[in-house]
Protein backbone atom coordinates (compact mmCIF):
# COMPACT_ATOMS: atom_id res chain seq x y z
CA GLN A 1 -57.14 -79.07 -78.41
CA GLU A 2 -55.49 -81.99 -76.44
CA ARG A 3 -52.52 -79.64 -75.96
CA ASP A 4 -54.69 -76.92 -74.40
CA ALA A 5 -56.49 -79.36 -72.08
CA ALA A 6 -52.99 -80.74 -71.11
CA ARG A 7 -51.81 -77.04 -70.45
CA LYS A 8 -54.92 -76.32 -68.57
CA LYS A 9 -54.35 -79.58 -66.49
CA VAL A 10 -50.67 -78.50 -65.85
CA LYS A 11 -51.83 -75.00 -64.82
CA ASP A 12 -54.53 -76.51 -62.36
CA ILE A 13 -51.98 -78.82 -60.96
CA GLY A 14 -49.56 -75.98 -60.41
CA LEU A 15 -52.27 -74.03 -58.57
CA GLN A 16 -52.91 -76.82 -56.33
CA LEU A 17 -49.12 -77.32 -55.72
CA SER A 18 -48.97 -73.59 -54.71
CA GLU A 19 -51.89 -73.88 -52.61
CA LEU A 20 -50.40 -77.09 -50.84
CA HIS A 21 -46.93 -75.10 -50.29
CA ALA A 22 -48.81 -72.27 -48.73
CA ALA A 23 -50.84 -74.62 -46.56
CA PHE A 24 -47.79 -76.50 -45.58
CA ASP A 25 -45.92 -73.27 -44.74
CA ASP A 26 -49.00 -72.11 -42.65
CA TYR A 27 -48.78 -75.47 -40.74
CA LYS A 28 -45.13 -75.30 -40.05
CA ASN A 29 -45.56 -71.57 -38.58
CA LYS A 30 -48.46 -72.87 -36.64
CA TYR A 31 -46.36 -75.78 -35.45
CA THR A 32 -43.56 -73.74 -34.50
CA LEU A 33 -45.71 -71.42 -32.62
CA GLN A 34 -47.33 -74.13 -30.75
CA GLN A 35 -43.73 -75.53 -29.81
CA LYS A 36 -43.07 -71.99 -28.51
CA LEU A 37 -46.11 -71.92 -26.49
CA VAL A 38 -45.51 -75.40 -25.00
CA VAL A 39 -41.87 -74.24 -23.78
CA ASP A 40 -43.51 -70.89 -22.37
CA LEU A 41 -46.11 -72.92 -20.51
CA GLU A 42 -43.51 -75.27 -19.00
CA VAL A 43 -41.71 -72.25 -17.91
CA ALA A 44 -44.68 -70.69 -16.43
CA GLU A 45 -45.71 -73.95 -14.62
CA SER A 46 -42.20 -74.05 -13.21
CA LYS A 47 -42.33 -70.45 -11.84
CA LEU A 48 -45.75 -71.20 -10.44
CA ALA A 49 -44.36 -74.02 -8.61
CA GLU A 50 -41.66 -72.01 -7.27
CA ILE A 51 -44.07 -69.23 -6.24
CA VAL A 52 -46.53 -71.65 -4.52
CA GLN A 53 -43.55 -73.02 -2.50
CA GLU A 54 -42.41 -69.72 -1.45
CA ARG A 55 -45.97 -68.59 -0.64
CA ASP A 56 -46.27 -71.77 1.61
CA ALA A 57 -43.10 -71.02 3.28
CA LEU A 58 -44.19 -67.42 3.85
CA LEU A 59 -47.62 -68.64 5.39
CA ILE A 60 -45.72 -70.95 7.73
CA MET A 61 -43.55 -67.96 8.99
CA VAL A 62 -46.52 -65.80 9.28
CA LYS A 63 -48.26 -68.42 11.42
CA GLY A 64 -45.18 -68.53 13.60
CA LEU A 65 -44.89 -64.76 13.97
CA GLU A 66 -48.73 -64.63 14.88
CA ASP A 67 -48.12 -67.36 17.43
CA LYS A 68 -45.26 -65.38 18.88
CA VAL A 69 -47.24 -62.02 18.98
CA ARG A 70 -50.11 -63.97 20.77
CA ALA A 71 -47.64 -65.31 23.42
CA LEU A 72 -46.21 -61.84 23.98
CA GLU A 73 -49.54 -60.46 24.39
CA ASP A 74 -50.50 -63.05 26.86
CA LYS A 75 -47.14 -62.31 28.95
CA LEU A 76 -47.98 -58.62 28.59
CA LYS A 77 -51.45 -59.29 30.02
CA GLU A 78 -50.11 -61.42 32.92
CA THR A 79 -47.51 -58.47 33.72
CA GLU A 80 -50.16 -55.99 33.77
CA GLY A 81 -52.41 -58.25 35.90
CA ARG A 82 -49.89 -58.27 38.78
C-alpha cells in the first residue's frame, strides 16, 4: 500500500512537472512575442517621428508657396488697377 501511495505521489509530481513545463513554454512564447512587439513599436515610433518631420517641412513649404501666391495675386491686382 505504501508503494501504491508512493507511485501515485510520483505520478502526481510528474503531472505537476508537465504542467509547469507547459506553463514555462507558454511564458517563453509570450515573452518572445512581447520582445518582437517592443521592437516593432520602436520601429513604428521611429517611422512616425520621420513622418512628422516630413509633414512639418511640407507645411512650411506650403505656407511659403501660399505667401508667394498671395504676393503674385497682389501684384496682378496692382497691374490690373493701372
